[in-house]
């Protein structure tokens, strides 16, 4: 085992950069489990108990378009008032297309240049307001700190490898898109003792 470890350490450059490929299939699963938590929905206003004033996204599908992240989802919303037990006001359901550029700030994976539009291109007064609101709100709501998760994974004890590991100096120098994944480059030091 020590020979294999010595060979591995000899083969690695002193400052290695590791590329983490986050496939769209995996990202969809994570987003459904961690973001779309209310019966498969992500409420951007109100909640499932609100009868007349709510807005949510559901059924996200993730991909790549011209080097940008593309998310297709279904939007359903209502902006109305309860008047004698009936909702009076605007409401609509339509598919949206969200385009964004992922970037890194320290170890935070974020989105910039966000554009949200109706998938069919038809813009009503309501859909324009919705898309403008989502364009402003999504960069604040959709961010992920890579550092705690990297630390948890790389320092996790393993019965097959009984040595302590400690991660330090984590940097995320770049992020880019491929047709299958968001690729996050990681640079770090891993101490094994």
Protein backbone atom coordinates (compact mmCIF):
# COMPACT_ATOMS: atom_id res chain seq x y z
CA UNK A 1 0.00 0.00 0.00
CA UNK A 2 2.83 2.40 0.83
CA UNK A 3 4.42 1.76 -2.58
CA UNK A 4 1.15 2.59 -4.32
CA UNK A 5 0.78 5.77 -2.24
CA UNK A 6 4.39 6.79 -2.93
CA UNK A 7 3.87 6.23 -6.66
CA UNK A 8 0.67 8.27 -6.59
CA UNK A 9 2.35 11.16 -4.78
CA UNK A 10 5.33 11.03 -7.14
CA UNK A 11 3.03 11.09 -10.17
CA UNK A 12 1.07 14.11 -8.98
CA UNK A 13 2.46 17.55 -9.75
CA UNK A 14 3.23 19.81 -6.78
CA UNK A 15 0.31 22.10 -7.59
CA UNK A 16 -2.44 20.11 -9.22
CA UNK A 17 -5.72 21.42 -10.51
CA UNK A 18 -8.62 19.03 -10.36
CA UNK A 19 -11.67 19.39 -12.59
CA UNK A 20 -14.97 18.47 -11.02
CA UNK A 21 -17.55 17.68 -13.72
CA UNK A 22 -21.07 18.27 -12.39
CA UNK A 23 -23.26 16.54 -14.96
CA UNK A 24 -26.63 18.03 -15.79
CA UNK A 25 -28.37 14.81 -14.73
CA UNK A 26 -26.72 15.01 -11.29
CA UNK A 27 -27.46 18.75 -11.00
CA UNK A 28 -31.15 18.17 -11.81
CA UNK A 29 -31.32 15.54 -9.06
CA UNK A 30 -29.60 17.81 -6.52
CA UNK A 31 -31.77 20.79 -7.45
CA UNK A 32 -34.95 18.70 -7.15
CA UNK A 33 -33.86 17.40 -3.72
CA UNK A 34 -32.41 20.64 -2.28
CA UNK A 35 -34.15 23.54 -4.06
CA UNK A 36 -37.50 22.24 -5.37
CA UNK A 37 -38.46 20.91 -1.94
CA UNK A 38 -42.16 21.80 -1.70
CA UNK A 39 -43.72 18.81 -3.51
CA UNK A 40 -41.34 19.31 -6.44
CA UNK A 41 -41.81 23.09 -6.48
CA UNK A 42 -39.57 26.08 -5.75
CA UNK A 43 -41.74 28.89 -4.41
CA UNK A 44 -40.40 32.28 -5.40
CA UNK A 45 -43.31 34.02 -3.70
CA UNK A 46 -45.83 32.79 -1.16
CA UNK A 47 -46.23 29.13 -0.24
CA UNK A 48 -48.41 26.13 -1.01
CA UNK A 49 -50.95 27.34 1.57
CA UNK A 50 -51.44 30.71 -0.17
CA UNK A 51 -54.68 30.62 -2.13
CA UNK A 52 -54.52 33.82 -4.19
CA UNK A 53 -50.94 35.09 -4.13
CA UNK A 54 -48.13 32.68 -4.96
CA UNK A 55 -45.53 31.89 -7.60
CA UNK A 56 -43.46 28.78 -8.13
CA UNK A 57 -41.23 26.94 -10.57
CA UNK A 58 -41.38 23.18 -11.15
CA UNK A 59 -39.99 20.44 -13.42
CA UNK A 60 -36.47 21.86 -13.99
CA UNK A 61 -34.42 20.54 -16.91
CA UNK A 62 -30.79 21.64 -17.15
CA UNK A 63 -28.51 21.88 -20.16
CA UNK A 64 -25.98 24.01 -22.01
CA UNK A 65 -26.48 26.53 -24.81
CA UNK A 66 -23.57 28.43 -26.39
CA UNK A 67 -21.40 28.08 -23.29
CA UNK A 68 -24.15 29.16 -20.90
CA UNK A 69 -26.31 27.26 -18.45
CA UNK A 70 -29.90 26.79 -19.63
CA UNK A 71 -32.72 25.79 -17.30
CA UNK A 72 -36.19 25.04 -18.61
CA UNK A 73 -38.98 24.98 -16.03
CA UNK A 74 -42.71 25.45 -15.64
CA UNK A 75 -43.85 28.67 -13.94
CA UNK A 76 -47.22 28.93 -12.22
CA UNK A 77 -48.29 32.04 -10.39
CA UNK A 78 -51.16 34.14 -9.23
CA UNK A 79 -51.26 37.72 -8.04
CA UNK A 80 -54.80 38.19 -6.82
CA UNK A 81 -56.87 39.21 -3.82
CA UNK A 82 -59.42 37.12 -1.96
CA UNK A 83 -62.79 38.75 -2.59
CA UNK A 84 -65.73 36.95 -0.98
CA UNK A 85 -63.95 33.61 -1.20
CA UNK A 86 -62.85 34.04 -4.81
CA UNK A 87 -59.44 35.09 -6.12
CA UNK A 88 -59.69 38.23 -8.24
CA UNK A 89 -56.58 39.23 -10.22
CA UNK A 90 -53.96 37.95 -12.61
CA UNK A 91 -52.58 34.46 -12.86
CA UNK A 92 -50.86 32.37 -15.47
CA UNK A 93 -48.87 29.20 -16.12
CA UNK A 94 -46.20 28.98 -18.80
CA UNK A 95 -42.83 27.38 -19.53
CA UNK A 96 -39.78 29.56 -18.95
CA UNK A 97 -36.23 29.43 -20.25
CA UNK A 98 -33.52 30.66 -17.89
CA UNK A 99 -30.09 31.44 -19.35
CA UNK A 100 -27.20 32.21 -17.00
CA UNK A 101 -23.43 32.21 -16.85
CA UNK A 102 -21.94 30.38 -13.86
CA UNK A 103 -18.97 32.07 -12.19
CA UNK A 104 -16.98 31.75 -8.99
CA UNK A 105 -16.45 34.34 -6.28
CA UNK A 106 -13.90 32.93 -3.82
CA UNK A 107 -15.46 29.48 -3.26
CA UNK A 108 -19.07 30.51 -4.03
CA UNK A 109 -20.56 29.18 -7.28
CA UNK A 110 -22.97 31.89 -8.52
CA UNK A 111 -24.93 32.98 -11.59
CA UNK A 112 -24.58 36.18 -13.60
CA UNK A 113 -26.04 37.59 -16.82
CA UNK A 114 -29.34 35.90 -15.97
CA UNK A 115 -32.09 36.17 -18.59
CA UNK A 116 -35.56 34.70 -18.08
CA UNK A 117 -38.08 34.53 -20.92
CA UNK A 118 -41.26 32.64 -21.74
CA UNK A 119 -40.33 29.49 -23.70
CA UNK A 120 -42.87 30.24 -26.44
CA UNK A 121 -41.69 33.85 -26.83
CA UNK A 122 -45.14 35.33 -26.12
CA UNK A 123 -44.89 38.17 -23.63
CA UNK A 124 -47.97 39.23 -21.75
CA UNK A 125 -48.02 41.93 -19.10
CA UNK A 126 -47.97 39.24 -16.42
CA UNK A 127 -45.22 37.12 -18.02
CA UNK A 128 -43.00 40.21 -18.47
CA UNK A 129 -43.37 41.07 -14.77
CA UNK A 130 -42.66 37.47 -13.79
CA UNK A 131 -39.58 37.17 -16.00
CA UNK A 132 -38.19 40.52 -14.80
CA UNK A 133 -38.72 39.46 -11.17
CA UNK A 134 -37.04 36.08 -11.71
CA UNK A 135 -34.13 37.73 -13.55
CA UNK A 136 -33.50 39.91 -10.49
CA UNK A 137 -34.14 37.25 -7.84
CA UNK A 138 -32.46 34.07 -9.15
CA UNK A 139 -28.84 35.29 -8.81
CA UNK A 140 -29.51 35.92 -5.09
CA UNK A 141 -31.27 32.60 -4.51
CA UNK A 142 -29.08 30.28 -6.59
CA UNK A 143 -25.60 30.10 -5.09
CA UNK A 144 -23.57 27.27 -3.65
CA UNK A 145 -20.49 27.34 -1.40
CA UNK A 146 -18.14 24.63 -2.66
CA UNK A 147 -15.74 24.73 0.33
CA UNK A 148 -17.81 22.93 3.01
CA UNK A 149 -18.85 20.14 0.64
CA UNK A 150 -15.27 19.64 -0.65
CA UNK A 151 -13.99 19.54 2.93
CA UNK A 152 -16.64 17.01 3.95
CA UNK A 153 -15.93 14.71 1.00
CA UNK A 154 -12.12 14.87 1.02
CA UNK A 155 -11.73 14.57 4.80
CA UNK A 156 -14.31 11.80 5.31
CA UNK A 157 -12.91 8.78 7.15
CA UNK A 158 -12.76 5.53 5.23
CA UNK A 159 -12.14 2.00 6.54
CA UNK A 160 -10.06 1.28 3.41
CA UNK A 161 -7.78 4.27 4.08
CA UNK A 162 -7.15 4.60 7.84
CA UNK A 163 -5.19 7.88 7.69
CA UNK A 164 -6.39 11.34 8.65
CA UNK A 165 -6.81 13.83 5.82
CA UNK A 166 -7.06 17.57 6.13
CA UNK A 167 -7.95 19.98 3.34
CA UNK A 168 -6.49 23.49 3.18
CA UNK A 169 -5.92 26.27 0.69
CA UNK A 170 -9.00 25.49 -1.39
CA UNK A 171 -9.32 27.76 -4.40
CA UNK A 172 -11.74 27.67 -7.31
CA UNK A 173 -9.82 29.31 -10.16
CA UNK A 174 -12.46 28.85 -12.85
CA UNK A 175 -15.76 27.37 -13.92
CA UNK A 176 -16.87 26.58 -17.45
CA UNK A 177 -19.52 24.67 -19.38
CA UNK A 178 -19.36 21.60 -21.60
CA UNK A 179 -22.30 20.07 -23.49
CA UNK A 180 -22.75 17.56 -20.61
CA UNK A 181 -21.69 19.37 -17.43
CA UNK A 182 -20.73 22.41 -15.43
CA UNK A 183 -16.98 22.02 -14.81
CA UNK A 184 -15.49 23.48 -11.65
CA UNK A 185 -11.69 23.63 -11.39
CA UNK A 186 -10.37 23.10 -7.85
CA UNK A 187 -6.90 23.71 -6.46
CA UNK A 188 -6.14 22.61 -2.89
CA UNK A 189 -3.68 20.99 -0.50
CA UNK A 190 -4.59 17.67 1.10
CA UNK A 191 -2.49 16.65 4.10
CA UNK A 192 -2.45 12.93 4.93
CA UNK A 193 -1.12 11.74 8.30
